[in-house]
Amino acid sequence: MFLARFSYDILPVNRHRALELIQREVEAARASGLKARLLVPLTRAHGGAALQFEVELTKLDQLDQLRHRSAGSKAETGDWMHSFSEILTSPPAVEILRVETS
């Protein structure tokens, strides 16, 4: 199993809008049968992400499918990405982790 984690930097004034947009991404992932969650750090290091989106994947191909159809149709996903990019202060950091099951 893999975890894909997207870390987003936003200004405090845009927090509510960012929460709405990330929640939409969580719902789309869940509708695709994936386990997804919105993470709100209670503490963070200097320069740490304000909000995070995390999704569990059984294979890495699922990440491409999610990113290209995360908000519905291709046009809806494009609109979602454009809206989100307007409030980000930097590109999202993306981590892909493999879950060790020893």
N, C-alpha and C. Protein backbone atom coordinates (compact mmCIF):
# COMPACT_ATOMS: atom_id res chain seq x y z
N MET A 1 0.85 -1.17 0.00
CA MET A 1 0.00 0.00 0.00
C MET A 1 0.89 1.24 0.00
N PHE A 2 0.35 2.31 -0.57
CA PHE A 2 1.06 3.58 -0.66
C PHE A 2 0.19 4.68 -0.08
N LEU A 3 0.84 5.73 0.39
CA LEU A 3 0.16 6.95 0.80
C LEU A 3 0.68 8.07 -0.07
N ALA A 4 -0.22 8.85 -0.60
CA ALA A 4 0.16 10.07 -1.31
C ALA A 4 -0.31 11.23 -0.45
N ARG A 5 0.60 12.12 -0.13
CA ARG A 5 0.27 13.26 0.74
C ARG A 5 0.61 14.55 0.01
N PHE A 6 -0.37 15.42 -0.08
CA PHE A 6 -0.21 16.72 -0.72
C PHE A 6 -0.26 17.78 0.36
N SER A 7 0.76 18.60 0.43
CA SER A 7 0.85 19.65 1.45
C SER A 7 0.68 21.00 0.77
N TYR A 8 -0.24 21.79 1.31
CA TYR A 8 -0.62 23.05 0.69
C TYR A 8 -0.29 24.24 1.59
N ASP A 9 0.28 25.27 1.00
CA ASP A 9 0.54 26.53 1.69
C ASP A 9 -0.48 27.55 1.22
N ILE A 10 -1.16 28.14 2.17
CA ILE A 10 -2.18 29.15 1.86
C ILE A 10 -2.08 30.28 2.88
N LEU A 11 -2.64 31.40 2.54
CA LEU A 11 -2.74 32.50 3.49
C LEU A 11 -3.94 32.26 4.41
N PRO A 12 -3.88 32.71 5.65
CA PRO A 12 -5.00 32.50 6.57
C PRO A 12 -6.34 33.02 6.03
N VAL A 13 -6.32 34.07 5.27
CA VAL A 13 -7.55 34.63 4.71
C VAL A 13 -8.22 33.65 3.74
N ASN A 14 -7.45 32.75 3.16
CA ASN A 14 -7.98 31.79 2.19
C ASN A 14 -8.25 30.41 2.78
N ARG A 15 -8.14 30.27 4.08
CA ARG A 15 -8.26 28.97 4.74
C ARG A 15 -9.62 28.31 4.48
N HIS A 16 -10.70 29.05 4.63
CA HIS A 16 -12.03 28.48 4.45
C HIS A 16 -12.21 27.96 3.02
N ARG A 17 -11.81 28.74 2.05
CA ARG A 17 -11.93 28.33 0.64
C ARG A 17 -11.06 27.10 0.37
N ALA A 18 -9.85 27.08 0.93
CA ALA A 18 -8.96 25.92 0.75
C ALA A 18 -9.57 24.67 1.36
N LEU A 19 -10.16 24.79 2.53
CA LEU A 19 -10.81 23.65 3.17
C LEU A 19 -11.93 23.10 2.27
N GLU A 20 -12.71 23.98 1.68
CA GLU A 20 -13.78 23.56 0.77
C GLU A 20 -13.21 22.81 -0.43
N LEU A 21 -12.16 23.34 -1.03
CA LEU A 21 -11.57 22.73 -2.22
C LEU A 21 -10.92 21.38 -1.91
N ILE A 22 -10.24 21.29 -0.78
CA ILE A 22 -9.61 20.01 -0.42
C ILE A 22 -10.69 18.99 -0.05
N GLN A 23 -11.73 19.43 0.62
CA GLN A 23 -12.82 18.51 0.97
C GLN A 23 -13.45 17.95 -0.30
N ARG A 24 -13.53 18.73 -1.32
CA ARG A 24 -14.05 18.25 -2.62
C ARG A 24 -13.15 17.15 -3.18
N GLU A 25 -11.84 17.32 -3.00
CA GLU A 25 -10.88 16.31 -3.45
C GLU A 25 -11.02 15.03 -2.62
N VAL A 26 -11.23 15.16 -1.32
CA VAL A 26 -11.44 14.01 -0.44
C VAL A 26 -12.69 13.24 -0.88
N GLU A 27 -13.76 13.95 -1.13
CA GLU A 27 -15.02 13.31 -1.54
C GLU A 27 -14.86 12.59 -2.88
N ALA A 28 -14.13 13.19 -3.81
CA ALA A 28 -13.91 12.56 -5.12
C ALA A 28 -13.11 11.28 -4.96
N ALA A 29 -12.10 11.30 -4.10
CA ALA A 29 -11.29 10.10 -3.86
C ALA A 29 -12.14 9.01 -3.23
N ARG A 30 -12.94 9.38 -2.27
CA ARG A 30 -13.81 8.39 -1.61
C ARG A 30 -14.83 7.82 -2.59
N ALA A 31 -15.36 8.65 -3.48
CA ALA A 31 -16.31 8.18 -4.49
C ALA A 31 -15.65 7.19 -5.45
N SER A 32 -14.33 7.27 -5.58
CA SER A 32 -13.57 6.32 -6.40
C SER A 32 -13.18 5.07 -5.63
N GLY A 33 -13.63 4.98 -4.38
CA GLY A 33 -13.35 3.81 -3.56
C GLY A 33 -12.03 3.88 -2.80
N LEU A 34 -11.43 5.06 -2.74
CA LEU A 34 -10.16 5.22 -2.02
C LEU A 34 -10.41 5.77 -0.62
N LYS A 35 -9.48 5.48 0.27
CA LYS A 35 -9.49 6.05 1.63
C LYS A 35 -8.74 7.37 1.55
N ALA A 36 -9.40 8.46 1.89
CA ALA A 36 -8.78 9.77 1.80
C ALA A 36 -9.17 10.60 3.02
N ARG A 37 -8.31 11.55 3.35
CA ARG A 37 -8.60 12.42 4.49
C ARG A 37 -7.94 13.78 4.32
N LEU A 38 -8.55 14.75 4.95
CA LEU A 38 -8.03 16.11 5.02
C LEU A 38 -7.34 16.22 6.37
N LEU A 39 -6.09 16.66 6.36
CA LEU A 39 -5.31 16.79 7.59
C LEU A 39 -5.10 18.28 7.88
N VAL A 40 -5.39 18.67 9.12
CA VAL A 40 -5.20 20.04 9.56
C VAL A 40 -4.16 20.01 10.67
N PRO A 41 -2.92 20.42 10.38
CA PRO A 41 -1.87 20.39 11.41
C PRO A 41 -2.23 21.29 12.60
N LEU A 42 -2.09 20.75 13.79
CA LEU A 42 -2.30 21.54 14.99
C LEU A 42 -1.03 22.30 15.37
N THR A 43 0.11 21.71 15.04
CA THR A 43 1.40 22.37 15.19
C THR A 43 2.17 22.12 13.90
N ARG A 44 3.08 23.02 13.59
CA ARG A 44 3.90 22.81 12.39
C ARG A 44 5.20 23.58 12.50
N ALA A 45 6.20 23.03 11.85
CA ALA A 45 7.51 23.68 11.82
C ALA A 45 7.44 24.93 10.96
N HIS A 46 8.40 25.81 11.14
CA HIS A 46 8.48 27.01 10.31
C HIS A 46 8.49 26.60 8.84
N GLY A 47 7.59 27.15 8.07
CA GLY A 47 7.52 26.81 6.66
C GLY A 47 6.70 25.56 6.37
N GLY A 48 6.13 24.94 7.41
CA GLY A 48 5.33 23.73 7.22
C GLY A 48 4.00 24.04 6.55
N ALA A 49 3.40 23.03 5.99
CA ALA A 49 2.14 23.19 5.25
C ALA A 49 0.99 23.57 6.18
N ALA A 50 0.09 24.39 5.65
CA ALA A 50 -1.09 24.80 6.40
C ALA A 50 -2.15 23.71 6.41
N LEU A 51 -2.29 23.00 5.28
CA LEU A 51 -3.29 21.94 5.15
C LEU A 51 -2.72 20.81 4.32
N GLN A 52 -3.23 19.61 4.55
CA GLN A 52 -2.74 18.45 3.80
C GLN A 52 -3.91 17.58 3.37
N PHE A 53 -3.71 16.91 2.26
CA PHE A 53 -4.65 15.93 1.74
C PHE A 53 -3.87 14.63 1.61
N GLU A 54 -4.45 13.55 2.12
CA GLU A 54 -3.76 12.26 2.09
C GLU A 54 -4.72 11.20 1.55
N VAL A 55 -4.19 10.33 0.69
CA VAL A 55 -5.00 9.28 0.10
C VAL A 55 -4.21 7.99 0.10
N GLU A 56 -4.89 6.88 0.42
CA GLU A 56 -4.28 5.55 0.40
C GLU A 56 -4.47 4.95 -0.98
N LEU A 57 -3.41 4.35 -1.51
CA LEU A 57 -3.44 3.75 -2.84
C LEU A 57 -2.95 2.31 -2.75
N THR A 58 -3.57 1.44 -3.50
CA THR A 58 -3.07 0.07 -3.57
C THR A 58 -2.05 -0.07 -4.69
N LYS A 59 -2.13 0.82 -5.70
CA LYS A 59 -1.13 0.86 -6.76
C LYS A 59 -0.96 2.31 -7.20
N LEU A 60 0.21 2.63 -7.66
CA LEU A 60 0.54 4.02 -7.97
C LEU A 60 -0.25 4.59 -9.15
N ASP A 61 -0.76 3.73 -10.03
CA ASP A 61 -1.58 4.20 -11.15
C ASP A 61 -2.81 4.97 -10.67
N GLN A 62 -3.28 4.64 -9.49
CA GLN A 62 -4.47 5.30 -8.96
C GLN A 62 -4.24 6.80 -8.74
N LEU A 63 -3.00 7.18 -8.51
CA LEU A 63 -2.68 8.58 -8.29
C LEU A 63 -2.95 9.40 -9.55
N ASP A 64 -2.52 8.93 -10.69
CA ASP A 64 -2.79 9.63 -11.95
C ASP A 64 -4.29 9.75 -12.21
N GLN A 65 -4.99 8.67 -11.98
CA GLN A 65 -6.44 8.69 -12.20
C GLN A 65 -7.11 9.71 -11.30
N LEU A 66 -6.69 9.77 -10.04
CA LEU A 66 -7.27 10.71 -9.10
C LEU A 66 -6.96 12.15 -9.49
N ARG A 67 -5.73 12.42 -9.85
CA ARG A 67 -5.33 13.79 -10.16
C ARG A 67 -5.97 14.32 -11.45
N HIS A 68 -6.27 13.43 -12.39
CA HIS A 68 -6.86 13.89 -13.65
C HIS A 68 -8.38 13.92 -13.63
N ARG A 69 -9.01 13.29 -12.66
CA ARG A 69 -10.47 13.25 -12.59
C ARG A 69 -10.95 13.52 -11.17
N SER A 70 -10.20 14.30 -10.39
CA SER A 70 -10.52 14.46 -8.97
C SER A 70 -11.76 15.30 -8.69
N ALA A 71 -12.23 16.05 -9.66
CA ALA A 71 -13.39 16.90 -9.40
C ALA A 71 -14.54 16.61 -10.35
N GLY A 72 -14.54 15.44 -10.94
CA GLY A 72 -15.61 15.08 -11.88
C GLY A 72 -15.06 14.97 -13.29
N SER A 73 -15.68 15.70 -14.20
CA SER A 73 -15.24 15.66 -15.59
C SER A 73 -13.88 16.34 -15.73
N LYS A 74 -13.29 16.19 -16.90
CA LYS A 74 -12.00 16.83 -17.16
C LYS A 74 -12.11 18.35 -17.01
N ALA A 75 -13.21 18.92 -17.51
CA ALA A 75 -13.42 20.37 -17.40
C ALA A 75 -13.61 20.80 -15.95
N GLU A 76 -14.39 20.02 -15.19
CA GLU A 76 -14.61 20.34 -13.78
C GLU A 76 -13.31 20.26 -12.99
N THR A 77 -12.50 19.26 -13.30
CA THR A 77 -11.21 19.12 -12.63
C THR A 77 -10.30 20.29 -12.96
N GLY A 78 -10.31 20.72 -14.22
CA GLY A 78 -9.52 21.88 -14.62
C GLY A 78 -9.96 23.14 -13.89
N ASP A 79 -11.27 23.33 -13.76
CA ASP A 79 -11.79 24.50 -13.03
C ASP A 79 -11.40 24.44 -11.57
N TRP A 80 -11.48 23.22 -10.97
CA TRP A 80 -11.11 23.04 -9.58
C TRP A 80 -9.62 23.39 -9.38
N MET A 81 -8.78 22.85 -10.27
CA MET A 81 -7.33 23.11 -10.15
C MET A 81 -7.02 24.59 -10.31
N HIS A 82 -7.71 25.25 -11.23
CA HIS A 82 -7.49 26.69 -11.44
C HIS A 82 -7.90 27.47 -10.19
N SER A 83 -9.06 27.15 -9.63
CA SER A 83 -9.53 27.84 -8.42
C SER A 83 -8.55 27.64 -7.27
N PHE A 84 -8.06 26.42 -7.14
CA PHE A 84 -7.14 26.12 -6.04
C PHE A 84 -5.81 26.83 -6.24
N SER A 85 -5.32 26.85 -7.46
CA SER A 85 -4.01 27.47 -7.72
C SER A 85 -4.03 28.96 -7.43
N GLU A 86 -5.20 29.58 -7.52
CA GLU A 86 -5.31 31.02 -7.23
C GLU A 86 -5.07 31.35 -5.76
N ILE A 87 -5.29 30.40 -4.86
CA ILE A 87 -5.11 30.70 -3.43
C ILE A 87 -3.86 30.07 -2.83
N LEU A 88 -3.15 29.24 -3.59
CA LEU A 88 -1.91 28.66 -3.09
C LEU A 88 -0.79 29.70 -3.13
N THR A 89 0.05 29.71 -2.10
CA THR A 89 1.18 30.63 -2.10
C THR A 89 2.42 30.01 -2.73
N SER A 90 2.39 28.69 -2.93
CA SER A 90 3.48 27.97 -3.61
C SER A 90 2.90 26.66 -4.13
N PRO A 91 3.59 26.03 -5.07
CA PRO A 91 3.08 24.74 -5.56
C PRO A 91 2.99 23.74 -4.41
N PRO A 92 2.04 22.82 -4.47
CA PRO A 92 1.93 21.83 -3.39
C PRO A 92 3.14 20.91 -3.36
N ALA A 93 3.51 20.53 -2.15
CA ALA A 93 4.56 19.52 -1.99
C ALA A 93 3.85 18.17 -2.03
N VAL A 94 4.42 17.23 -2.76
CA VAL A 94 3.81 15.91 -2.89
C VAL A 94 4.79 14.88 -2.37
N GLU A 95 4.32 14.06 -1.46
CA GLU A 95 5.11 12.94 -0.94
C GLU A 95 4.38 11.66 -1.28
N ILE A 96 5.11 10.68 -1.73
CA ILE A 96 4.53 9.35 -1.95
C ILE A 96 5.31 8.41 -1.05
N LEU A 97 4.57 7.74 -0.17
CA LEU A 97 5.20 6.87 0.82
C LEU A 97 4.70 5.45 0.64
N ARG A 98 5.55 4.51 0.86
CA ARG A 98 5.16 3.10 0.85
C ARG A 98 4.94 2.68 2.30
N VAL A 99 3.83 2.04 2.57
CA VAL A 99 3.52 1.60 3.92
C VAL A 99 4.21 0.25 4.14
N GLU A 100 5.06 0.20 5.13
CA GLU A 100 5.81 -1.03 5.45
C GLU A 100 4.93 -1.93 6.30
N THR A 101 4.76 -3.15 5.86
CA THR A 101 3.90 -4.09 6.57
C THR A 101 4.70 -5.33 6.98
N SER A 102 5.67 -5.14 7.84
CA SER A 102 6.51 -6.27 8.25
C SER A 102 5.96 -7.02 9.42
